[in-house]
C-alpha atoms as a PDB file:
ATOM      1  CA  UNK A   1       3.517   5.747   9.137  1.00  0.00           C
ATOM      2  CA  UNK A   2       1.175   4.851  11.965  1.00  0.00           C
ATOM      3  CA  UNK A   3      -2.445   3.996  11.303  1.00  0.00           C
ATOM      4  CA  UNK A   4      -4.314   4.461  14.559  1.00  0.00           C
ATOM      5  CA  UNK A   5      -8.119   4.406  14.249  1.00  0.00           C
ATOM      6  CA  UNK A   6      -8.476   6.636  17.324  1.00  0.00           C
ATOM      7  CA  UNK A   7      -6.549   9.334  15.440  1.00  0.00           C
ATOM      8  CA  UNK A   8      -8.152   8.901  12.017  1.00  0.00           C
ATOM      9  CA  UNK A   9     -11.769   8.473  13.072  1.00  0.00           C
ATOM     10  CA  UNK A  10     -12.111   5.545  10.635  1.00  0.00           C
ATOM     11  CA  UNK A  11     -13.216   2.064  11.552  1.00  0.00           C
ATOM     12  CA  UNK A  12     -11.038  -0.853  10.488  1.00  0.00           C
ATOM     13  CA  UNK A  13     -13.303  -1.641   7.530  1.00  0.00           C
ATOM     14  CA  UNK A  14     -13.670   1.871   6.057  1.00  0.00           C
ATOM     15  CA  UNK A  15     -11.617   3.044   3.059  1.00  0.00           C
ATOM     16  CA  UNK A  16      -9.052   5.712   3.915  1.00  0.00           C
ATOM     17  CA  UNK A  17      -6.856   8.233   2.109  1.00  0.00           C
ATOM     18  CA  UNK A  18      -3.144   8.796   2.605  1.00  0.00           C
ATOM     19  CA  UNK A  19      -0.647  11.147   1.008  1.00  0.00           C
ATOM     20  CA  UNK A  20       2.477   9.565  -0.482  1.00  0.00           C
ATOM     21  CA  UNK A  21       5.634  10.999   1.042  1.00  0.00           C
ATOM     22  CA  UNK A  22       8.909  10.358  -0.738  1.00  0.00           C
ATOM     23  CA  UNK A  23       9.899   8.829  -4.043  1.00  0.00           C
ATOM     24  CA  UNK A  24      10.046   5.099  -3.177  1.00  0.00           C
ATOM     25  CA  UNK A  25       6.999   4.335  -5.358  1.00  0.00           C
ATOM     26  CA  UNK A  26       7.715   6.667  -8.301  1.00  0.00           C
ATOM     27  CA  UNK A  27       6.925   6.987 -11.120  1.00  0.00           C
ATOM     28  CA  UNK A  28       3.544   5.259 -10.549  1.00  0.00           C
ATOM     29  CA  UNK A  29       2.894   7.111  -7.272  1.00  0.00           C
ATOM     30  CA  UNK A  30       4.708  10.462  -7.210  1.00  0.00           C
ATOM     31  CA  UNK A  31       5.528  12.302  -4.006  1.00  0.00           C
ATOM     32  CA  UNK A  32       2.440  14.140  -2.784  1.00  0.00           C
ATOM     33  CA  UNK A  33      -0.179  12.067  -4.599  1.00  0.00           C
ATOM     34  CA  UNK A  34      -3.184  10.770  -2.676  1.00  0.00           C
ATOM     35  CA  UNK A  35      -3.870   7.033  -2.444  1.00  0.00           C
ATOM     36  CA  UNK A  36      -7.076   5.328  -1.312  1.00  0.00           C
ATOM     37  CA  UNK A  37      -6.760   2.140   0.744  1.00  0.00           C
ATOM     38  CA  UNK A  38      -9.520  -0.474   0.939  1.00  0.00           C
ATOM     39  CA  UNK A  39      -9.047  -2.605   4.084  1.00  0.00           C
ATOM     40  CA  UNK A  40     -11.291  -5.528   3.082  1.00  0.00           C
ATOM     41  CA  UNK A  41     -10.164  -5.804  -0.537  1.00  0.00           C
ATOM     42  CA  UNK A  42      -8.755  -9.053  -1.849  1.00  0.00           C
ATOM     43  CA  UNK A  43      -4.997  -8.873  -2.423  1.00  0.00           C
ATOM     44  CA  UNK A  44      -2.966 -10.811  -4.956  1.00  0.00           C
ATOM     45  CA  UNK A  45       0.517 -10.870  -6.409  1.00  0.00           C
ATOM     46  CA  UNK A  46       1.265  -7.390  -7.766  1.00  0.00           C
ATOM     47  CA  UNK A  47      -1.267  -5.513  -5.606  1.00  0.00           C
ATOM     48  CA  UNK A  48      -0.193  -2.187  -4.132  1.00  0.00           C
ATOM     49  CA  UNK A  49      -0.722  -2.366  -0.380  1.00  0.00           C
ATOM     50  CA  UNK A  50      -0.285  -0.739   2.989  1.00  0.00           C
ATOM     51  CA  UNK A  51       1.322  -3.423   5.155  1.00  0.00           C
ATOM     52  CA  UNK A  52       2.827  -3.759   8.596  1.00  0.00           C
ATOM     53  CA  UNK A  53       6.573  -4.371   8.754  1.00  0.00           C
ATOM     54  CA  UNK A  54       8.710  -4.011  11.892  1.00  0.00           C
ATOM     55  CA  UNK A  55       5.788  -2.473  13.826  1.00  0.00           C
ATOM     56  CA  UNK A  56       5.301   0.278  11.222  1.00  0.00           C
ATOM     57  CA  UNK A  57       3.076   0.591   8.178  1.00  0.00           C
ATOM     58  CA  UNK A  58       4.635   0.924   4.746  1.00  0.00           C
ATOM     59  CA  UNK A  59       3.325   1.453   1.198  1.00  0.00           C
ATOM     60  CA  UNK A  60       4.730  -1.095  -1.266  1.00  0.00           C
ATOM     61  CA  UNK A  61       3.892  -3.541  -4.043  1.00  0.00           C
ATOM     62  CA  UNK A  62       3.081  -7.025  -2.817  1.00  0.00           C
ATOM     63  CA  UNK A  63       4.698 -10.097  -4.329  1.00  0.00           C
ATOM     64  CA  UNK A  64       3.484 -13.578  -3.436  1.00  0.00           C
ATOM     65  CA  UNK A  65       5.581 -16.581  -4.391  1.00  0.00           C
ATOM     66  CA  UNK A  66       3.025 -19.354  -4.903  1.00  0.00           C
ATOM     67  CA  UNK A  67       5.683 -22.081  -4.799  1.00  0.00           C
ATOM     68  CA  UNK A  68       7.296 -21.061  -1.505  1.00  0.00           C
ATOM     69  CA  UNK A  69       4.402 -19.183   0.116  1.00  0.00           C
ATOM     70  CA  UNK A  70       6.714 -16.210   0.739  1.00  0.00           C
ATOM     71  CA  UNK A  71       5.118 -12.732   0.828  1.00  0.00           C
ATOM     72  CA  UNK A  72       7.379  -9.748   0.104  1.00  0.00           C
ATOM     73  CA  UNK A  73       7.013  -5.986  -0.243  1.00  0.00           C
ATOM     74  CA  UNK A  74       8.930  -4.148  -2.963  1.00  0.00           C
ATOM     75  CA  UNK A  75       9.390  -0.479  -3.766  1.00  0.00           C
ATOM     76  CA  UNK A  76       9.125   0.605  -7.396  1.00  0.00           C
ATOM     77  CA  UNK A  77      12.321   2.637  -7.031  1.00  0.00           C
ATOM     78  CA  UNK A  78      15.308   0.398  -7.656  1.00  0.00           C
ATOM     79  CA  UNK A  79      17.923  -0.216  -4.997  1.00  0.00           C
ATOM     80  CA  UNK A  80      15.595  -0.360  -1.993  1.00  0.00           C
ATOM     81  CA  UNK A  81      15.417  -3.528   0.114  1.00  0.00           C
ATOM     82  CA  UNK A  82      12.798  -6.217  -0.406  1.00  0.00           C
ATOM     83  CA  UNK A  83      10.877  -6.705   2.847  1.00  0.00           C
ATOM     84  CA  UNK A  84       9.394 -10.023   3.922  1.00  0.00           C
ATOM     85  CA  UNK A  85       6.043 -10.234   5.725  1.00  0.00           C
ATOM     86  CA  UNK A  86       4.310 -13.237   7.228  1.00  0.00           C
ATOM     87  CA  UNK A  87       1.186 -13.113   5.045  1.00  0.00           C
ATOM     88  CA  UNK A  88      -2.293 -11.586   4.721  1.00  0.00           C
ATOM     89  CA  UNK A  89      -2.484 -10.661   8.410  1.00  0.00           C
ATOM     90  CA  UNK A  90       0.267  -8.067   7.848  1.00  0.00           C
ATOM     91  CA  UNK A  91      -1.637  -6.344   5.022  1.00  0.00           C
ATOM     92  CA  UNK A  92      -3.770  -3.427   6.254  1.00  0.00           C
ATOM     93  CA  UNK A  93      -5.277  -2.387   2.902  1.00  0.00           C
ATOM     94  CA  UNK A  94      -5.029  -2.706  -0.868  1.00  0.00           C
ATOM     95  CA  UNK A  95      -4.612   0.532  -2.799  1.00  0.00           C
ATOM     96  CA  UNK A  96      -7.631   0.964  -5.075  1.00  0.00           C
ATOM     97  CA  UNK A  97      -7.156   4.518  -6.372  1.00  0.00           C
ATOM     98  CA  UNK A  98      -4.607   7.314  -6.699  1.00  0.00           C
ATOM     99  CA  UNK A  99      -4.788  10.938  -7.785  1.00  0.00           C
ATOM    100  CA  UNK A 100      -2.602  14.001  -7.770  1.00  0.00           C
ATOM    101  CA  UNK A 101      -5.606  16.270  -7.331  1.00  0.00           C
ATOM    102  CA  UNK A 102      -6.684  16.463 -10.942  1.00  0.00           C
ATOM    103  CA  UNK A 103      -9.661  14.471 -12.149  1.00  0.00           C
ATOM    104  CA  UNK A 104      -7.936  13.387 -15.365  1.00  0.00           C
ATOM    105  CA  UNK A 105      -5.008  11.879 -13.433  1.00  0.00           C
ATOM    106  CA  UNK A 106      -7.174   9.628 -11.271  1.00  0.00           C
ATOM    107  CA  UNK A 107      -6.208   5.950 -11.599  1.00  0.00           C
ATOM    108  CA  UNK A 108      -7.946   2.842 -10.324  1.00  0.00           C
ATOM    109  CA  UNK A 109      -6.202  -0.389  -9.317  1.00  0.00           C
ATOM    110  CA  UNK A 110      -7.662  -3.867  -9.127  1.00  0.00           C
END
């Protein structure tokens, strides 16, 4: 997933929407659901984020080990690798909302 502002028309500080492709984040984020990313939102352990890893952007749950200072990205689906990132500079946005197109299935994340 590449996030290039020249292609999206969004500035770096504007919220943006993405469609989830695949089942890595199920059941919380099913394939095809829409997620809203907030670039300037505060992130913490357990936040769902869009982050840069190996020169690509990926949607995962953030885990921060306060004792070691290690930041990792984890899929909800079991069996997928845990990815290490260097810290806040690798996080593009925190996910603040998801929906599958129906108003009653809209969820907000803090």
